[in-house]
Amino acid sequence: MPSRYRAQLINSLTGFKPANLLATQSLQGQPNVAMVSSAVHLGADPALLALVMRPPVVERHSLDNIRETGVYTLNHVHRDILEQAHQTAAKYPRQVSEFDAVGLSIEYPFSFAAPAVAESRLQIGLRLVEIVPIKHNGTEMVIGEIDWVQIKDDILHAEGYAAIEEIGSVTVSGLDSYHLTHSLGRLGYPSV
């Protein structure tokens, strides 16, 4: 199969994935933000999230920054910032801040050393735990422990459920097809 066709097909087979902006900063203070769709929950105690990063056959500014600083943020993408978020996937030179290039704003919640996307309604600050090489295809799994969470709208239910559909978080299928969600309801904890 042609490369782009294969990438689109394989990326769409698993269904909807979360659309997040990965925000980092170099030791020299150069901010970087990039769209990612590979975030996955690994556990709640400790609170771990993972990202699968593409093979380092070209410069990977975000991954380089994570290795250097050990901190980064994940920022939910919502309808109002979707086009800007999508544009962060362009191959900007290292000295260009994608924040500036696409018109997103930087903030540093809780004096965290990595930037967050000010326009995002749900931000997660993470500290690097480990990077696991995936030998079969050269990708790397970046595992981070959640340091803080900031939710800008009142979507947190009393029992700890974050109703992300209420803040308009979007999902992605394939490489460039974005979707809104709506809740079908919640089911009770299954028991026998």
Protein backbone atom coordinates (compact mmCIF):
# COMPACT_ATOMS: atom_id res chain seq x y z
CA MET A 1 0.00 0.00 0.00
CA PRO A 2 1.15 3.56 -0.51
CA SER A 3 2.58 5.01 2.74
CA ARG A 4 -0.05 7.71 3.42
CA TYR A 5 -2.94 5.35 2.55
CA ARG A 6 -1.56 2.69 4.90
CA ALA A 7 -1.05 5.23 7.73
CA GLN A 8 -4.62 6.53 7.37
CA LEU A 9 -6.10 3.02 7.26
CA ILE A 10 -4.17 1.60 10.20
CA ASN A 11 -4.75 4.74 12.30
CA SER A 12 -8.51 4.52 11.76
CA LEU A 13 -8.99 0.81 12.54
CA THR A 14 -9.08 1.10 16.35
CA GLY A 15 -11.83 3.71 16.36
CA PHE A 16 -11.97 6.97 18.26
CA LYS A 17 -8.91 8.16 20.17
CA PRO A 18 -8.47 11.16 22.47
CA ALA A 19 -7.31 14.39 20.86
CA ASN A 20 -4.76 16.08 23.13
CA LEU A 21 -2.12 18.73 22.81
CA LEU A 22 1.24 17.65 24.23
CA ALA A 23 3.02 20.73 25.58
CA THR A 24 6.70 20.77 26.48
CA GLN A 25 9.56 23.19 26.87
CA SER A 26 13.28 22.82 26.24
CA LEU A 27 15.88 23.55 28.92
CA GLN A 28 16.56 26.78 27.01
CA GLY A 29 12.91 27.83 27.46
CA GLN A 30 11.66 27.13 23.90
CA PRO A 31 8.00 26.01 24.14
CA ASN A 32 6.57 23.30 21.90
CA VAL A 33 3.05 21.97 21.42
CA ALA A 34 1.93 19.06 19.25
CA MET A 35 -1.28 17.15 18.59
CA VAL A 36 -1.22 13.57 19.89
CA SER A 37 -3.85 10.85 19.82
CA SER A 38 -2.08 8.01 21.58
CA ALA A 39 -2.75 8.83 25.24
CA VAL A 40 -3.80 5.80 27.25
CA HIS A 41 -4.56 5.23 30.93
CA LEU A 42 -2.15 2.73 32.55
CA GLY A 43 -3.37 2.82 36.13
CA ALA A 44 -4.89 4.95 38.88
CA ASP A 45 -2.54 4.24 41.81
CA PRO A 46 -0.02 5.43 40.89
CA ALA A 47 -1.84 7.58 38.34
CA LEU A 48 -0.05 6.75 35.08
CA LEU A 49 -0.69 7.76 31.47
CA ALA A 50 1.25 6.64 28.42
CA LEU A 51 1.90 8.10 24.99
CA VAL A 52 3.26 6.17 22.04
CA MET A 53 5.72 8.34 20.15
CA ARG A 54 6.73 7.74 16.53
CA PRO A 55 10.20 6.42 15.72
CA PRO A 56 12.90 9.10 16.00
CA VAL A 57 13.79 9.01 12.29
CA VAL A 58 13.30 12.80 12.16
CA GLU A 59 13.63 15.40 14.90
CA ARG A 60 11.09 14.85 17.66
CA HIS A 61 11.05 18.15 19.55
CA SER A 62 8.44 17.07 22.10
CA LEU A 63 10.22 13.84 22.95
CA ASP A 64 13.58 15.61 23.16
CA ASN A 65 12.08 18.13 25.59
CA ILE A 66 10.53 15.39 27.73
CA ARG A 67 13.88 13.60 27.93
CA GLU A 68 15.65 16.86 28.90
CA THR A 69 13.20 18.20 31.47
CA GLY A 70 11.19 15.20 32.66
CA VAL A 71 7.90 17.15 32.62
CA TYR A 72 5.09 17.78 30.14
CA THR A 73 1.37 18.49 29.94
CA LEU A 74 -1.56 16.94 28.09
CA ASN A 75 -4.32 19.37 27.19
CA HIS A 76 -7.75 18.30 25.94
CA VAL A 77 -8.71 19.64 22.53
CA HIS A 78 -12.22 21.05 22.18
CA ARG A 79 -14.18 22.33 19.21
CA ASP A 80 -13.13 25.97 19.67
CA ILE A 81 -9.40 25.22 19.32
CA LEU A 82 -9.59 22.25 16.92
CA GLU A 83 -8.15 23.92 13.81
CA GLN A 84 -5.27 25.44 15.78
CA ALA A 85 -4.60 22.10 17.47
CA HIS A 86 -4.58 20.25 14.13
CA GLN A 87 -2.12 22.78 12.66
CA THR A 88 0.42 22.00 15.42
CA ALA A 89 1.14 18.73 13.57
CA ALA A 90 2.96 20.67 10.83
CA LYS A 91 6.74 20.28 10.80
CA TYR A 92 7.83 23.60 12.31
CA PRO A 93 11.55 24.24 12.84
CA ARG A 94 12.77 23.76 16.44
CA GLN A 95 13.19 27.52 16.99
CA VAL A 96 9.53 28.20 16.09
CA SER A 97 6.98 27.98 18.88
CA GLU A 98 3.86 26.21 17.66
CA PHE A 99 1.97 28.18 20.32
CA ASP A 100 2.85 31.39 18.47
CA ALA A 101 2.51 29.89 15.00
CA VAL A 102 -1.08 28.71 15.55
CA GLY A 103 -2.26 31.36 18.01
CA LEU A 104 -2.54 29.35 21.23
CA SER A 105 -1.63 30.82 24.63
CA ILE A 106 0.79 29.46 27.22
CA GLU A 107 0.20 29.25 30.94
CA TYR A 108 2.10 27.58 33.78
CA PRO A 109 -0.44 26.19 36.29
CA PHE A 110 0.90 25.52 39.79
CA SER A 111 4.32 26.92 38.72
CA PHE A 112 4.91 23.69 36.79
CA ALA A 113 8.05 23.70 34.62
CA ALA A 114 6.17 22.65 31.45
CA PRO A 115 3.68 24.91 29.69
CA ALA A 116 -0.02 24.18 29.38
CA VAL A 117 -2.44 25.35 26.69
CA ALA A 118 -4.39 28.19 28.30
CA GLU A 119 -7.41 27.64 26.05
CA SER A 120 -7.74 23.97 27.03
CA ARG A 121 -10.51 23.23 29.51
CA LEU A 122 -8.79 20.15 30.96
CA GLN A 123 -5.03 20.12 31.54
CA ILE A 124 -2.88 17.37 33.02
CA GLY A 125 0.66 17.91 34.32
CA LEU A 126 2.89 14.83 34.14
CA ARG A 127 6.35 13.80 35.34
CA LEU A 128 8.29 11.30 33.26
CA VAL A 129 8.54 7.83 34.83
CA GLU A 130 10.19 5.95 31.99
CA ILE A 131 10.50 5.64 28.24
CA VAL A 132 10.05 2.09 26.99
CA PRO A 133 11.43 1.28 23.53
CA ILE A 134 9.18 -0.84 21.35
CA LYS A 135 11.75 -2.80 19.39
CA HIS A 136 9.44 -4.17 16.70
CA ASN A 137 8.76 -0.79 15.06
CA GLY A 138 11.08 1.72 16.74
CA THR A 139 8.34 3.61 18.56
CA GLU A 140 8.70 4.57 22.21
CA MET A 141 6.14 4.47 25.00
CA VAL A 142 6.45 7.51 27.25
CA ILE A 143 5.03 6.76 30.69
CA GLY A 144 4.23 9.66 32.98
CA GLU A 145 2.79 10.02 36.45
CA ILE A 146 0.08 12.62 36.91
CA ASP A 147 1.32 15.48 39.07
CA TRP A 148 -1.76 17.70 38.82
CA VAL A 149 -5.05 18.11 36.96
CA GLN A 150 -6.80 21.39 36.23
CA ILE A 151 -10.40 21.36 35.02
CA LYS A 152 -11.64 24.81 34.11
CA ASP A 153 -15.35 24.03 34.00
CA ASP A 154 -17.54 22.34 36.60
CA ILE A 155 -17.63 18.85 35.08
CA LEU A 156 -16.30 16.86 38.02
CA HIS A 157 -19.03 14.72 39.60
CA ALA A 158 -19.07 13.99 43.33
CA GLU A 159 -17.81 10.41 42.89
CA GLY A 160 -14.81 11.54 40.81
CA TYR A 161 -16.17 11.13 37.28
CA ALA A 162 -14.95 13.83 34.85
CA ALA A 163 -17.75 14.33 32.31
CA ILE A 164 -15.48 15.42 29.45
CA GLU A 165 -18.31 15.51 26.92
CA GLU A 166 -19.60 18.56 28.82
CA ILE A 167 -16.49 20.58 27.88
CA GLY A 168 -16.68 19.58 24.23
CA SER A 169 -13.54 17.42 24.19
CA VAL A 170 -13.09 15.99 20.71
CA THR A 171 -11.87 12.63 19.50
CA VAL A 172 -9.96 11.71 16.37
CA SER A 173 -10.16 8.76 14.02
CA GLY A 174 -7.58 8.13 11.35
CA LEU A 175 -5.16 11.01 11.04
CA ASP A 176 -7.51 13.93 10.47
CA SER A 177 -11.16 13.11 11.17
CA TYR A 178 -12.48 14.77 14.34
CA HIS A 179 -15.65 13.97 16.27
CA LEU A 180 -17.74 15.27 19.16
CA THR A 181 -19.15 12.88 21.73
CA HIS A 182 -22.31 12.62 23.74
CA SER A 183 -22.95 10.43 26.72
CA LEU A 184 -25.21 7.39 26.36
CA GLY A 185 -25.44 7.18 30.15
CA ARG A 186 -23.49 5.46 32.88
CA LEU A 187 -23.92 1.86 33.97
CA GLY A 188 -23.43 0.57 37.50
CA TYR A 189 -20.34 -1.32 38.59
CA PRO A 190 -20.75 -4.88 37.30
CA SER A 191 -21.06 -7.65 39.87
CA VAL A 192 -22.00 -11.30 39.83
